[in-house]
Structure formats: C-alpha cells, structure tokens
Amino acid sequence: MCWRKNKSYAILCWTGGDRISIPAGEKIADGKASAWRNCFDLSEWAGAFGDLGTFIPFVVGYVTILKVDPRGILFVFGVMLIFNGLYYRTPIPVQPMKAIGGAAITQAAVITPGVVWGAGIFTGLFWLAMGLTGAMSFVAKIISRPVIKGIALGLGLSFIIEGIRLMTTDFIVAVVALAVTFMLLNNKRVPAMFVLIILGIIAALVKNPGLYGQLSGIHFDFRLPHFTIGQVAWSDFIKGTLILGIAQVPLTLGNAVMVTTAENNRLFPRRPVTEKKIAISHGVMNLFSPLLGGIPMCHGAGGMAGHVRFGAHTGGALVILGVVLLAAGLFFSSSVLLIFEIFPPSILGVFLFFAGLELASSARDAGKEKSDYYILLVTAGFATWNMGVGFLAGFLMQELIKRKIFKV
C-alpha cells in the first residue's frame, strides 16, 4: 500500500488491493493503520537522497580530519536506515549529530575516534534512560506548540542560510539548479532529485576535468567493519561526555525528538509516533553505532523535511538509502570520498535550501494569539544561532508569559 497527496490533500492508499481515500486529518482505525506499507517507487527513490546536504559534509569531515574509517560509518548508517524504514514506515531520518560532529571536527587536535565513540555511548545511555523512565513524556507535556514550531522555523532558516552560502561557491550552477528544482518539485515523472544529481555530475566534471580520471579509480573492495568498542577507554568516555555529548542534549531534545515527532504526526497522521519512542530510538541507535565504528546519530527534523520535499512519503526511501550506503560501506569504502566528489557544494546547498523551506513552512500553524508568535519568534531567532539556546529561550518566554510576568 502506498499513498500520495492529491490536490485536495486527501491521502490515497491501497489496502488489500482496494483503493481508498481518507482526509489527511482523519483518525484511522488501528487495523487500517497497521496495513500501511512502504513504497519503492520513483518518488521514494528521489526522496531517499534528499538528506545528503547534511550527511555528506559531516561524513567527509569525520573521514578526512578525524581519520574515522568510512566502513563503519557507512555500514552503521545503512543498517540503521533500513531498520528505521522498516519499523516506522515513514521517512524519519537518520543523520549525524550536528553539535557533536561540528565540535569533533573543529577540535580535531584533541578529539580522537575513541572520544567520538565515547560520546555516542553517553548519548545512547542518556536517551534510552529518558525514554524508559518516562522523563521524555513529562518534558513533552510542558513544552508548548510555539516553542516546537519555533525550533522548526529556526532550523529551517539555518538550513536556508547555509544552503545559500554553499550555493555561492558556484552561483551559476546553483541558479540553474534552483530554477529546475522549483519547476519539477511536484513532477512525478521527472523527480527534481534526479535532475539535480545529473546537474551535479556535469558541473563537477566541467569544473574539474581531471575528476573523470579520478572517478575511474573507484574499485570494488569488499571489507567487513570491525568491532571498535574495545578501543574506547574510560578516559574517552569521560572526554566524549563532557566535551561533545552534553552540548548535544538540548539540540537533540528540541530538533531530533520533539520537532521530528511533531512533523511526523503532522505529515503522517496514520503512522503517529511519541516522544518516548523517538527518545528510545536515539538510545538504541547510539549504543549500536560505536560497536562497529559508527558516529553519533539522530532523527533530525531537517532530514525528514529533505526526504519529504524531494518525494519520500514512506519508510521505503530510508530502506533505499540504507541499501545504497550499506553497499558503499561493504564494497567501496576505500573510494567513498571520490564518490562524494560528484556532489558539488552548490548542489548540496540546493538540497539544504529546499529542506529548509519545507521545515520553516511548517511553523505557520504555531497558534493564533500574539503571545504565541512572540514565543515562536524568540525561539526561532535564538535557534538560528544555537538550537539548544533557542529551545531554552523559547521555554523561558513561554513560562514568563504563562505566569503573566511578561505581557505582550
């Protein structure tokens, strides 16, 4: 069973061979909800690659600067994407954790792969505890809708700004890519993603003719990932927790748990999730990842926006991307940096730009009161600088208005 939205925003689905049409906001009986199936059509293939704008830069940084083996990174991402796609059956993404990744790459002089894996272990334990103890459910109850929407707006604007910065590296290519993407956004026969990839390959080869010869060096090289947990010392765990892990917590709370939950339930009301379930999912992923040399990962809302904007509507997109990354990790890990060079920064910027538009536009229903918009804008404003600070600022504004300390 697959579904797509028609012009009146009804959900079209097929159950047992029958085609039914259901309004997007209507509640569905459990029996019908359980019949939801993943799709693997052209749109899902296009949407599968909608999150590469954040994935590729972080993986390249980990591999080139921190010297983390790409085998483990790609293998773990592949396994987790396939698992999440089959389990959730909606495009809930699997992304590198941005605060941990950014701090690790910029502080490479004092950060080792062991410290990164230690941060992953802390992250896994923390979110597993948050989910299993019920603490995440309690936090979710006290955070208002404008704060959640403010995080989405702030993250969306951050993606747009970063996308524009990347697009300026080759402005002509970016303008052409933007125009083509706008024209093909809702084209089912010619998905925009495939055209962007072709444009990226052509632009990369024109700008760097020697790349063609380099790409010919891509070769089959089967290697299994190895266990790395034994390489994590107690000092790595402590350093990873204090330098990397703790700083990631508020970002994950706001963006990867609460906003992702809200976006999934808004877009896919027939496959709802809870903050508790998403928190536990973070815990499981990050306890598994360090075992085989993977990096800390999350369900960032920007990733969902990227997948959906370019056509994904089921977990099939995650399964497709997972199989691609799994194959790359097992058979082409020694050539992965060469493969990534076919995606110029200007094209990755277009990916981010449209993911940002999709996410920021979701903030339009934050509330009707003037105070709701104040909370939304305060949260978003600080979130464009720092997601954790934005979350805390929005929550503080929410409480001050609720207690009538501030009047707007």
Protein backbone atom coordinates (compact mmCIF):
# COMPACT_ATOMS: atom_id res chain seq x y z
CA MET A 1 0.00 0.00 0.00
CA CYS A 2 1.33 3.42 -0.94
CA TRP A 3 -0.05 6.89 -0.51
CA ARG A 4 0.30 10.27 -2.13
CA LYS A 5 -1.49 13.57 -1.56
CA ASN A 6 -3.82 14.80 -4.25
CA LYS A 7 -4.68 18.47 -4.78
CA SER A 8 -7.28 18.42 -2.01
CA TYR A 9 -4.74 16.87 0.36
CA ALA A 10 -6.56 13.57 0.76
CA ILE A 11 -4.45 10.50 1.41
CA LEU A 12 -4.70 7.87 -1.29
CA CYS A 13 -3.85 4.36 -0.19
CA TRP A 14 -4.28 0.76 -1.17
CA THR A 15 -5.20 -1.92 1.32
CA GLY A 16 -5.53 -5.49 0.14
CA GLY A 17 -5.76 -4.25 -3.44
CA ASP A 18 -8.54 -1.74 -2.71
CA ARG A 19 -8.02 1.97 -3.28
CA ILE A 20 -9.41 4.25 -0.57
CA SER A 21 -9.29 7.98 0.01
CA ILE A 22 -9.00 9.42 3.51
CA PRO A 23 -8.79 13.09 4.60
CA ALA A 24 -5.31 13.86 5.94
CA GLY A 25 -6.51 14.81 9.43
CA GLU A 26 -8.94 11.96 9.93
CA LYS A 27 -8.19 9.30 12.53
CA ILE A 28 -7.77 5.80 11.19
CA ALA A 29 -8.76 2.56 12.87
CA ASP A 30 -5.83 0.51 14.16
CA GLY A 31 -6.48 -2.28 11.68
CA LYS A 32 -6.15 0.03 8.71
CA ALA A 33 -3.18 1.88 10.18
CA SER A 34 -1.31 -1.39 10.62
CA ALA A 35 -1.77 -2.10 6.91
CA TRP A 36 0.46 0.85 5.95
CA ARG A 37 3.21 -0.41 3.66
CA ASN A 38 6.46 1.02 2.38
CA CYS A 39 6.73 2.08 -1.26
CA PHE A 40 9.75 1.80 -3.51
CA ASP A 41 8.57 3.82 -6.49
CA LEU A 42 10.30 6.65 -8.35
CA SER A 43 9.28 9.28 -5.78
CA GLU A 44 10.71 7.25 -2.91
CA TRP A 45 13.98 6.82 -4.82
CA ALA A 46 14.16 10.59 -5.35
CA GLY A 47 13.29 11.38 -1.73
CA ALA A 48 15.87 8.90 -0.47
CA PHE A 49 18.69 11.30 -1.36
CA GLY A 50 17.04 14.46 -0.03
CA ASP A 51 19.14 14.47 3.15
CA LEU A 52 22.59 14.30 1.54
CA GLY A 53 23.15 18.02 2.12
CA THR A 54 23.83 17.35 5.81
CA PHE A 55 25.08 13.77 5.54
CA ILE A 56 27.97 14.18 3.08
CA PRO A 57 29.77 17.17 4.71
CA PHE A 58 29.83 15.53 8.15
CA VAL A 59 30.99 12.16 6.84
CA VAL A 60 33.74 13.81 4.79
CA GLY A 61 34.84 15.74 7.90
CA TYR A 62 34.95 12.65 10.08
CA VAL A 63 36.90 10.67 7.48
CA THR A 64 39.38 13.32 6.31
CA ILE A 65 40.01 15.24 9.55
CA LEU A 66 39.41 12.73 12.34
CA LYS A 67 40.51 9.71 10.26
CA VAL A 68 37.44 7.64 11.17
CA ASP A 69 37.17 4.56 8.94
CA PRO A 70 34.31 5.18 6.44
CA ARG A 71 33.49 1.45 6.54
CA GLY A 72 31.99 1.63 10.00
CA ILE A 73 30.20 4.93 9.36
CA LEU A 74 28.50 3.79 6.16
CA PHE A 75 27.74 0.28 7.43
CA VAL A 76 26.06 1.52 10.61
CA PHE A 77 24.10 4.21 8.77
CA GLY A 78 22.96 1.64 6.24
CA VAL A 79 21.77 -0.80 8.90
CA MET A 80 20.01 1.90 10.93
CA LEU A 81 18.29 3.41 7.90
CA ILE A 82 16.97 0.03 6.81
CA PHE A 83 15.82 -0.79 10.35
CA ASN A 84 14.09 2.57 10.85
CA GLY A 85 12.44 2.45 7.44
CA LEU A 86 11.01 -1.00 8.11
CA TYR A 87 9.97 -0.15 11.67
CA TYR A 88 8.48 3.36 11.37
CA ARG A 89 7.38 3.12 7.73
CA THR A 90 7.61 6.91 7.40
CA PRO A 91 10.72 8.90 6.37
CA ILE A 92 12.00 9.51 9.92
CA PRO A 93 15.64 10.25 9.07
CA VAL A 94 18.95 9.02 10.40
CA GLN A 95 21.54 11.83 10.45
CA PRO A 96 24.92 12.64 12.00
CA MET A 97 24.52 14.54 15.29
CA LYS A 98 25.43 18.08 14.36
CA ALA A 99 26.72 19.55 17.64
CA ILE A 100 28.92 16.52 18.29
CA GLY A 101 30.11 16.38 14.69
CA GLY A 102 30.85 20.09 14.48
CA ALA A 103 32.72 20.16 17.79
CA ALA A 104 34.70 16.99 17.00
CA ILE A 105 35.80 18.19 13.56
CA THR A 106 36.74 21.71 14.69
CA GLN A 107 38.64 20.38 17.75
CA ALA A 108 40.42 17.56 15.91
CA ALA A 109 43.66 18.32 17.75
CA VAL A 110 42.24 16.91 20.99
CA ILE A 111 39.48 14.62 19.70
CA THR A 112 40.16 11.05 18.64
CA PRO A 113 37.80 8.47 17.11
CA GLY A 114 37.64 6.88 20.59
CA VAL A 115 36.30 10.12 22.05
CA VAL A 116 33.63 10.27 19.34
CA TRP A 117 32.59 6.69 20.13
CA GLY A 118 32.57 7.57 23.85
CA ALA A 119 30.22 10.47 23.11
CA GLY A 120 27.99 8.04 21.23
CA ILE A 121 27.82 5.69 24.22
CA PHE A 122 26.88 8.55 26.56
CA THR A 123 24.25 9.75 24.11
CA GLY A 124 22.79 6.27 23.79
CA LEU A 125 22.58 5.75 27.55
CA PHE A 126 21.11 9.21 28.14
CA TRP A 127 18.27 8.95 25.62
CA LEU A 128 17.49 5.36 26.49
CA ALA A 129 17.09 6.48 30.12
CA MET A 130 14.97 9.48 29.09
CA GLY A 131 12.62 7.22 27.17
CA LEU A 132 12.38 4.25 29.51
CA THR A 133 11.94 6.28 32.72
CA GLY A 134 9.13 8.39 31.27
CA ALA A 135 11.14 11.60 31.66
CA MET A 136 10.77 12.35 27.96
CA SER A 137 6.99 12.12 28.15
CA PHE A 138 6.98 14.57 31.07
CA VAL A 139 9.18 17.07 29.19
CA ALA A 140 6.95 16.80 26.11
CA LYS A 141 3.88 17.77 28.16
CA ILE A 142 5.35 21.04 29.42
CA ILE A 143 6.69 22.33 26.09
CA SER A 144 4.16 24.41 24.15
CA ARG A 145 3.46 24.23 20.42
CA PRO A 146 5.02 27.67 19.65
CA VAL A 147 8.34 26.51 21.12
CA ILE A 148 8.35 23.38 18.97
CA LYS A 149 7.36 25.34 15.88
CA GLY A 150 9.99 27.96 16.72
CA ILE A 151 12.69 25.30 16.70
CA ALA A 152 11.40 24.11 13.31
CA LEU A 153 11.42 27.67 11.96
CA GLY A 154 14.89 28.41 13.33
CA LEU A 155 16.31 25.18 11.92
CA GLY A 156 14.63 25.81 8.58
CA LEU A 157 16.09 29.32 8.37
CA SER A 158 19.52 27.96 9.33
CA PHE A 159 19.30 25.44 6.50
CA ILE A 160 18.26 28.17 4.06
CA ILE A 161 21.16 30.42 5.11
CA GLU A 162 23.69 27.58 4.96
CA GLY A 163 22.26 26.46 1.63
CA ILE A 164 22.69 29.96 0.18
CA ARG A 165 26.29 30.06 1.48
CA LEU A 166 27.07 26.79 -0.28
CA MET A 167 25.31 27.89 -3.45
CA THR A 168 27.57 30.96 -3.72
CA THR A 169 30.52 28.62 -4.36
CA ASP A 170 29.18 28.23 -7.91
CA PHE A 171 26.36 30.70 -8.33
CA ILE A 172 25.51 29.95 -11.97
CA VAL A 173 25.09 26.22 -11.32
CA ALA A 174 23.07 26.99 -8.21
CA VAL A 175 20.68 29.34 -10.04
CA VAL A 176 20.07 26.75 -12.76
CA ALA A 177 19.57 24.03 -10.13
CA LEU A 178 17.16 26.23 -8.14
CA ALA A 179 15.06 27.05 -11.22
CA VAL A 180 14.91 23.42 -12.34
CA THR A 181 14.00 22.24 -8.83
CA PHE A 182 11.16 24.75 -8.47
CA MET A 183 9.77 23.66 -11.84
CA LEU A 184 10.00 19.93 -11.05
CA LEU A 185 9.11 19.87 -7.34
CA ASN A 186 5.75 18.17 -7.89
CA ASN A 187 6.58 16.37 -11.12
CA LYS A 188 6.10 12.63 -10.59
CA ARG A 189 7.53 11.59 -13.95
CA VAL A 190 10.79 13.53 -13.67
CA PRO A 191 11.68 13.94 -9.97
CA ALA A 192 13.78 17.02 -9.23
CA MET A 193 16.35 15.00 -7.28
CA PHE A 194 17.46 13.00 -10.31
CA VAL A 195 17.92 16.15 -12.38
CA LEU A 196 19.93 17.73 -9.53
CA ILE A 197 22.23 14.71 -9.38
CA ILE A 198 22.80 14.84 -13.15
CA LEU A 199 23.46 18.59 -12.97
CA GLY A 200 25.87 18.00 -10.11
CA ILE A 201 27.84 15.38 -12.03
CA ILE A 202 28.05 17.58 -15.13
CA ALA A 203 29.07 20.64 -13.08
CA ALA A 204 31.71 18.67 -11.19
CA LEU A 205 33.24 17.28 -14.39
CA VAL A 206 33.21 20.65 -16.18
CA LYS A 207 34.78 22.46 -13.23
CA ASN A 208 37.35 19.72 -12.64
CA PRO A 209 38.04 17.75 -15.85
CA GLY A 210 40.59 15.65 -14.01
CA LEU A 211 37.78 14.26 -11.86
CA TYR A 212 36.78 11.87 -14.66
CA GLY A 213 40.15 10.16 -14.42
CA GLN A 214 39.96 10.08 -10.65
CA LEU A 215 36.49 8.51 -10.70
CA SER A 216 37.83 5.73 -12.88
CA GLY A 217 39.87 4.75 -9.83
CA ILE A 218 36.73 3.68 -7.95
CA HIS A 219 37.10 -0.03 -7.38
CA PHE A 220 35.41 -2.98 -5.72
CA ASP A 221 36.93 -3.62 -2.29
CA PHE A 222 34.88 -5.91 -0.04
CA ARG A 223 35.63 -5.36 3.65
CA LEU A 224 33.56 -6.02 6.74
CA PRO A 225 33.55 -3.48 9.57
CA HIS A 226 35.36 -4.50 12.73
CA PHE A 227 34.40 -4.14 16.38
CA THR A 228 35.74 -0.88 17.82
CA ILE A 229 34.17 -0.84 21.26
CA GLY A 230 37.36 -2.28 22.74
CA GLN A 231 39.23 0.83 21.55
CA VAL A 232 37.16 3.12 23.78
CA ALA A 233 38.98 3.81 27.04
CA TRP A 234 37.28 5.13 30.17
CA SER A 235 39.01 8.48 29.56
CA ASP A 236 37.49 8.57 26.04
CA PHE A 237 34.03 8.10 27.51
CA ILE A 238 34.56 10.91 30.05
CA LYS A 239 36.02 13.27 27.48
CA GLY A 240 33.33 12.42 24.94
CA THR A 241 30.62 13.06 27.52
CA LEU A 242 31.97 16.40 28.76
CA ILE A 243 33.29 17.89 25.51
CA LEU A 244 30.83 16.51 22.96
CA GLY A 245 27.84 14.68 24.45
CA ILE A 246 26.36 17.14 26.94
CA ALA A 247 26.35 20.01 24.43
CA GLN A 248 24.29 17.86 22.06
CA VAL A 249 21.46 17.16 24.54
CA PRO A 250 19.35 20.35 24.13
CA LEU A 251 19.74 20.25 20.33
CA THR A 252 18.59 16.63 20.18
CA LEU A 253 15.72 17.33 22.60
CA GLY A 254 14.32 20.20 20.57
CA ASN A 255 15.14 19.25 16.99
CA ALA A 256 15.53 15.49 16.81
CA VAL A 257 12.94 14.37 19.36
CA MET A 258 10.18 16.96 19.76
CA VAL A 259 10.14 18.58 16.32
CA THR A 260 10.61 15.28 14.48
CA THR A 261 7.72 13.77 16.46
CA ALA A 262 5.51 16.78 15.68
CA GLU A 263 6.43 16.78 11.98
CA ASN A 264 5.90 13.04 11.58
CA ASN A 265 2.47 13.23 13.20
CA ARG A 266 1.50 16.28 11.14
CA LEU A 267 2.58 14.77 7.84
CA PHE A 268 1.69 11.14 8.54
CA PRO A 269 -1.22 11.01 11.00
CA ARG A 270 -1.81 7.36 10.06
CA ARG A 271 1.64 6.41 11.44
CA PRO A 272 2.00 8.50 14.63
CA VAL A 273 4.97 8.29 16.97
CA THR A 274 5.59 9.57 20.50
CA GLU A 275 8.50 11.49 22.02
CA LYS A 276 9.15 8.47 24.23
CA LYS A 277 9.50 6.16 21.24
CA ILE A 278 11.82 8.56 19.41
CA ALA A 279 13.98 9.01 22.53
CA ILE A 280 14.35 5.24 22.92
CA SER A 281 15.19 5.02 19.23
CA HIS A 282 18.03 7.51 19.75
CA GLY A 283 19.28 5.40 22.62
CA VAL A 284 19.29 2.16 20.64
CA MET A 285 20.99 3.71 17.59
CA ASN A 286 23.76 5.33 19.59
CA LEU A 287 24.52 2.25 21.66
CA PHE A 288 24.78 0.17 18.48
CA SER A 289 26.81 2.67 16.44
CA PRO A 290 30.07 2.71 18.48
CA LEU A 291 30.25 -1.09 18.39
CA LEU A 292 31.25 -1.04 14.71
CA GLY A 293 32.96 2.33 14.35
CA GLY A 294 29.90 4.43 13.60
CA ILE A 295 29.34 8.02 14.67
CA PRO A 296 26.65 9.57 16.93
CA MET A 297 23.36 9.81 15.01
CA CYS A 298 19.90 11.29 15.42
CA HIS A 299 16.45 11.68 13.84
CA GLY A 300 16.88 15.35 12.87
CA ALA A 301 13.75 17.11 11.65
CA GLY A 302 15.69 18.75 8.83
CA GLY A 303 16.38 15.31 7.41
CA MET A 304 12.68 14.46 7.35
CA ALA A 305 12.00 17.76 5.58
CA GLY A 306 14.63 16.94 2.97
CA HIS A 307 13.30 13.45 2.32
CA VAL A 308 9.70 14.64 2.08
CA ARG A 309 10.44 17.73 -0.04
CA PHE A 310 12.04 15.59 -2.75
CA GLY A 311 9.31 12.95 -2.82
CA ALA A 312 9.53 10.50 0.09
CA HIS A 313 6.27 9.56 1.83
CA THR A 314 7.07 6.16 3.36
CA GLY A 315 9.95 4.35 5.01
CA GLY A 316 10.83 2.92 1.62
CA ALA A 317 13.06 5.94 0.99
CA LEU A 318 15.09 5.11 4.10
CA VAL A 319 15.43 1.47 3.05
CA ILE A 320 16.65 2.55 -0.39
CA LEU A 321 19.25 4.93 1.03
CA GLY A 322 20.24 2.34 3.64
CA VAL A 323 20.90 -0.31 1.00
CA VAL A 324 22.98 2.17 -1.04
CA LEU A 325 25.09 3.17 1.98
CA LEU A 326 25.43 -0.43 3.15
CA ALA A 327 26.70 -1.45 -0.29
CA ALA A 328 29.07 1.53 -0.36
CA GLY A 329 30.45 0.63 3.07
CA LEU A 330 30.93 -3.06 2.31
CA PHE A 331 32.20 -2.84 -1.27
CA PHE A 332 33.50 0.68 -1.97
CA SER A 333 34.60 2.17 1.37
CA SER A 334 38.10 2.93 0.07
CA SER A 335 36.57 5.03 -2.74
CA VAL A 336 33.81 6.79 -0.83
CA LEU A 337 35.48 10.24 -0.83
CA LEU A 338 35.85 10.06 -4.61
CA ILE A 339 32.18 9.13 -4.96
CA PHE A 340 31.14 12.09 -2.81
CA GLU A 341 33.02 14.48 -5.12
CA ILE A 342 30.25 14.15 -7.72
CA PHE A 343 28.09 16.30 -5.39
CA PRO A 344 29.46 19.88 -5.66
CA PRO A 345 28.85 22.18 -2.68
CA SER A 346 26.49 24.31 -4.79
CA ILE A 347 24.19 21.30 -5.40
CA LEU A 348 24.34 20.29 -1.73
CA GLY A 349 23.34 23.87 -0.97
CA VAL A 350 20.21 23.44 -3.10
CA PHE A 351 19.35 20.29 -1.10
CA LEU A 352 19.66 22.25 2.15
CA PHE A 353 17.77 25.25 0.79
CA PHE A 354 14.68 23.24 -0.10
CA ALA A 355 14.82 21.19 3.09
CA GLY A 356 14.90 24.50 4.97
CA LEU A 357 11.90 25.84 3.05
CA GLU A 358 9.93 22.68 3.83
CA LEU A 359 10.75 22.79 7.53
CA ALA A 360 10.30 26.54 8.03
CA SER A 361 6.90 26.49 6.31
CA SER A 362 5.64 24.01 8.92
CA ALA A 363 5.75 26.80 11.53
CA ARG A 364 2.75 28.58 10.01
CA ASP A 365 0.29 26.99 12.47
CA ALA A 366 2.08 27.89 15.71
CA GLY A 367 -1.01 29.49 17.24
CA LYS A 368 -3.50 32.36 16.96
CA GLU A 369 -2.55 34.54 19.92
CA LYS A 370 0.00 37.33 19.75
CA SER A 371 1.90 35.67 22.60
CA ASP A 372 2.23 32.51 20.51
CA TYR A 373 4.02 34.48 17.82
CA TYR A 374 6.33 36.12 20.35
CA ILE A 375 7.34 32.71 21.69
CA LEU A 376 7.72 31.39 18.16
CA LEU A 377 9.97 34.26 17.03
CA VAL A 378 12.09 34.35 20.19
CA THR A 379 12.68 30.61 19.88
CA ALA A 380 13.43 30.80 16.15
CA GLY A 381 15.68 33.83 16.49
CA PHE A 382 17.95 32.21 19.06
CA ALA A 383 17.69 28.83 17.32
CA THR A 384 19.27 30.22 14.14
CA TRP A 385 22.33 30.84 16.32
CA ASN A 386 22.16 27.78 18.56
CA MET A 387 19.37 25.20 18.72
CA GLY A 388 19.86 24.45 22.40
CA VAL A 389 19.81 28.13 23.36
CA GLY A 390 16.76 28.65 21.17
CA PHE A 391 14.92 25.86 22.94
CA LEU A 392 15.76 27.23 26.39
CA ALA A 393 14.91 30.82 25.37
CA GLY A 394 11.55 29.76 23.98
CA PHE A 395 10.69 27.73 27.06
CA LEU A 396 11.65 30.64 29.32
CA MET A 397 9.49 33.04 27.30
CA GLN A 398 6.62 30.55 27.43
CA GLU A 399 6.79 30.32 31.23
CA LEU A 400 7.15 34.08 31.76
CA ILE A 401 4.10 34.78 29.60
CA LYS A 402 2.11 31.98 31.22
CA ARG A 403 2.81 33.42 34.68
CA LYS A 404 1.98 36.94 33.38
CA ILE A 405 5.42 38.23 34.29
CA PHE A 406 5.73 39.34 30.66
CA LYS A 407 2.75 40.84 28.87
CA VAL A 408 2.84 41.19 25.09
